[in-house]
Amino acid sequence: MDVIKQIEEDCGIRSQRGETVFYEWWSYDRDDDTVQCLLNVMPEDVYEQYNGGKGASADAYMDDGDASYEDTVGSGDYRWTWHIYYFGSGSTFKTMSNIRVEKR
């Protein structure tokens, strides 16, 4: 299965030469369908890493203001990389996130 092609077709995100997909979103934008589609294409092990790290980093931000979280996971022929930046204060924090998928 060509993950890049699947993301292009299912999620409407264009790739760079069929080898890299990059998507960025803000927590307050209305990109929920596209983001959810991208997360649905993630292999289960990659999603578990992403979701677990996202939750832990949000808790850390609330505790001591750690401002970002990033990770890279290889799965099959692809490498998934993400960055989540936290800003704001208290329980009203916002995020800016991006996910990159690259053929290895």
C-alpha atoms as a PDB file:
ATOM      1  CA  MET A   1       0.000   0.000   0.000  1.00  0.00           C
ATOM      2  CA  ASP A   2       1.304   3.463  -0.935  1.00  0.00           C
ATOM      3  CA  VAL A   3       0.567   5.579   2.155  1.00  0.00           C
ATOM      4  CA  ILE A   4       1.424   8.853   0.397  1.00  0.00           C
ATOM      5  CA  LYS A   5      -1.026   8.114  -2.412  1.00  0.00           C
ATOM      6  CA  GLN A   6      -3.691   7.094   0.091  1.00  0.00           C
ATOM      7  CA  ILE A   7      -3.271  10.388   1.986  1.00  0.00           C
ATOM      8  CA  GLU A   8      -3.530  12.338  -1.269  1.00  0.00           C
ATOM      9  CA  GLU A   9      -6.655  10.502  -2.397  1.00  0.00           C
ATOM     10  CA  ASP A  10      -8.484  10.093   0.916  1.00  0.00           C
ATOM     11  CA  CYS A  11      -7.492  13.292   2.715  1.00  0.00           C
ATOM     12  CA  GLY A  12      -6.933  15.716  -0.158  1.00  0.00           C
ATOM     13  CA  ILE A  13      -3.411  16.639   0.973  1.00  0.00           C
ATOM     14  CA  ARG A  14      -0.976  17.073  -1.902  1.00  0.00           C
ATOM     15  CA  SER A  15       2.442  15.464  -1.703  1.00  0.00           C
ATOM     16  CA  GLN A  16       5.848  16.657  -2.785  1.00  0.00           C
ATOM     17  CA  ARG A  17       6.704  14.445  -5.773  1.00  0.00           C
ATOM     18  CA  GLY A  18       4.816  11.505  -4.295  1.00  0.00           C
ATOM     19  CA  GLU A  19       7.449  11.074  -1.586  1.00  0.00           C
ATOM     20  CA  THR A  20       6.572  13.485   1.234  1.00  0.00           C
ATOM     21  CA  VAL A  21       3.358  14.811   2.728  1.00  0.00           C
ATOM     22  CA  PHE A  22       3.394  17.721   5.174  1.00  0.00           C
ATOM     23  CA  TYR A  23       0.294  19.042   6.930  1.00  0.00           C
ATOM     24  CA  GLU A  24       0.032  21.798   9.537  1.00  0.00           C
ATOM     25  CA  TRP A  25      -2.956  22.964  11.562  1.00  0.00           C
ATOM     26  CA  TRP A  26      -3.926  25.203  14.468  1.00  0.00           C
ATOM     27  CA  SER A  27      -6.082  23.945  17.309  1.00  0.00           C
ATOM     28  CA  TYR A  28      -8.685  26.606  16.630  1.00  0.00           C
ATOM     29  CA  ASP A  29      -8.999  26.019  12.858  1.00  0.00           C
ATOM     30  CA  ARG A  30     -11.761  24.021  11.232  1.00  0.00           C
ATOM     31  CA  ASP A  31      -9.502  21.306   9.767  1.00  0.00           C
ATOM     32  CA  ASP A  32     -11.015  18.515  11.842  1.00  0.00           C
ATOM     33  CA  ASP A  33     -12.003  16.281   8.890  1.00  0.00           C
ATOM     34  CA  THR A  34      -8.587  16.527   7.212  1.00  0.00           C
ATOM     35  CA  VAL A  35      -6.703  15.990  10.479  1.00  0.00           C
ATOM     36  CA  GLN A  36      -8.905  13.026  11.387  1.00  0.00           C
ATOM     37  CA  CYS A  37      -8.374  11.517   7.939  1.00  0.00           C
ATOM     38  CA  LEU A  38      -4.596  11.855   8.299  1.00  0.00           C
ATOM     39  CA  LEU A  39      -4.694  10.238  11.755  1.00  0.00           C
ATOM     40  CA  ASN A  40      -6.884   7.412  10.410  1.00  0.00           C
ATOM     41  CA  VAL A  41      -4.252   6.589   7.761  1.00  0.00           C
ATOM     42  CA  MET A  42      -1.568   6.210  10.466  1.00  0.00           C
ATOM     43  CA  PRO A  43      -0.655   2.599  11.231  1.00  0.00           C
ATOM     44  CA  GLU A  44      -1.902   1.581  14.674  1.00  0.00           C
ATOM     45  CA  ASP A  45       1.563   1.538  16.293  1.00  0.00           C
ATOM     46  CA  VAL A  46       2.339   5.020  14.959  1.00  0.00           C
ATOM     47  CA  TYR A  47      -1.020   6.363  16.143  1.00  0.00           C
ATOM     48  CA  GLU A  48      -0.516   4.919  19.627  1.00  0.00           C
ATOM     49  CA  GLN A  49       2.872   6.671  19.859  1.00  0.00           C
ATOM     50  CA  TYR A  50       1.410   9.952  18.565  1.00  0.00           C
ATOM     51  CA  ASN A  51      -1.669   9.889  20.772  1.00  0.00           C
ATOM     52  CA  GLY A  52       0.166   8.803  23.925  1.00  0.00           C
ATOM     53  CA  GLY A  53       2.866  11.442  23.478  1.00  0.00           C
ATOM     54  CA  LYS A  54       0.315  14.129  22.699  1.00  0.00           C
ATOM     55  CA  GLY A  55      -1.554  13.405  25.924  1.00  0.00           C
ATOM     56  CA  ALA A  56       1.602  13.254  28.049  1.00  0.00           C
ATOM     57  CA  SER A  57       2.934  16.479  26.570  1.00  0.00           C
ATOM     58  CA  ALA A  58      -0.361  18.310  27.171  1.00  0.00           C
ATOM     59  CA  ASP A  59      -0.192  17.228  30.821  1.00  0.00           C
ATOM     60  CA  ALA A  60       3.440  18.385  31.048  1.00  0.00           C
ATOM     61  CA  TYR A  61       2.520  21.737  29.514  1.00  0.00           C
ATOM     62  CA  MET A  62      -0.240  22.209  32.078  1.00  0.00           C
ATOM     63  CA  ASP A  63       2.168  21.291  34.895  1.00  0.00           C
ATOM     64  CA  ASP A  64       5.248  23.312  34.025  1.00  0.00           C
ATOM     65  CA  GLY A  65       4.867  25.088  30.688  1.00  0.00           C
ATOM     66  CA  ASP A  66       6.910  22.734  28.496  1.00  0.00           C
ATOM     67  CA  ALA A  67       6.165  24.270  25.112  1.00  0.00           C
ATOM     68  CA  SER A  68       6.573  21.524  22.525  1.00  0.00           C
ATOM     69  CA  TYR A  69       6.541  17.837  21.731  1.00  0.00           C
ATOM     70  CA  GLU A  70       8.063  16.035  18.769  1.00  0.00           C
ATOM     71  CA  ASP A  71       8.701  12.466  17.756  1.00  0.00           C
ATOM     72  CA  THR A  72       9.564  10.297  14.768  1.00  0.00           C
ATOM     73  CA  VAL A  73       8.372   6.745  14.191  1.00  0.00           C
ATOM     74  CA  GLY A  74       9.305   4.437  11.336  1.00  0.00           C
ATOM     75  CA  SER A  75       6.696   2.016  10.086  1.00  0.00           C
ATOM     76  CA  GLY A  76       7.276  -0.118   7.017  1.00  0.00           C
ATOM     77  CA  ASP A  77       8.590   2.008   4.170  1.00  0.00           C
ATOM     78  CA  TYR A  78       7.546   5.287   5.810  1.00  0.00           C
ATOM     79  CA  ARG A  79       8.730   7.661   8.502  1.00  0.00           C
ATOM     80  CA  TRP A  80       6.139   9.688  10.426  1.00  0.00           C
ATOM     81  CA  THR A  81       7.311  12.842  12.192  1.00  0.00           C
ATOM     82  CA  TRP A  82       5.253  15.316  14.185  1.00  0.00           C
ATOM     83  CA  HIS A  83       5.672  18.485  16.204  1.00  0.00           C
ATOM     84  CA  ILE A  84       3.103  19.948  18.565  1.00  0.00           C
ATOM     85  CA  TYR A  85       3.675  23.442  19.936  1.00  0.00           C
ATOM     86  CA  TYR A  86       1.725  24.622  22.965  1.00  0.00           C
ATOM     87  CA  PHE A  87       1.078  28.257  23.806  1.00  0.00           C
ATOM     88  CA  GLY A  88      -1.370  30.264  25.852  1.00  0.00           C
ATOM     89  CA  SER A  89      -1.981  30.009  29.546  1.00  0.00           C
ATOM     90  CA  GLY A  90      -3.837  27.837  31.996  1.00  0.00           C
ATOM     91  CA  SER A  91      -6.629  25.711  30.588  1.00  0.00           C
ATOM     92  CA  THR A  92      -7.001  27.983  27.536  1.00  0.00           C
ATOM     93  CA  PHE A  93      -3.805  26.787  25.830  1.00  0.00           C
ATOM     94  CA  LYS A  94      -3.755  26.412  22.053  1.00  0.00           C
ATOM     95  CA  THR A  95      -1.663  24.214  19.779  1.00  0.00           C
ATOM     96  CA  MET A  96      -0.014  24.394  16.395  1.00  0.00           C
ATOM     97  CA  SER A  97       0.749  20.930  15.038  1.00  0.00           C
ATOM     98  CA  ASN A  98       2.315  19.404  11.982  1.00  0.00           C
ATOM     99  CA  ILE A  99       2.785  15.905  10.653  1.00  0.00           C
ATOM    100  CA  ARG A 100       5.239  14.834   7.957  1.00  0.00           C
ATOM    101  CA  VAL A 101       5.107  11.458   6.221  1.00  0.00           C
ATOM    102  CA  GLU A 102       8.114  10.467   4.114  1.00  0.00           C
ATOM    103  CA  LYS A 103       9.033   7.437   2.086  1.00  0.00           C
ATOM    104  CA  ARG A 104      12.282   5.995   3.461  1.00  0.00           C
END
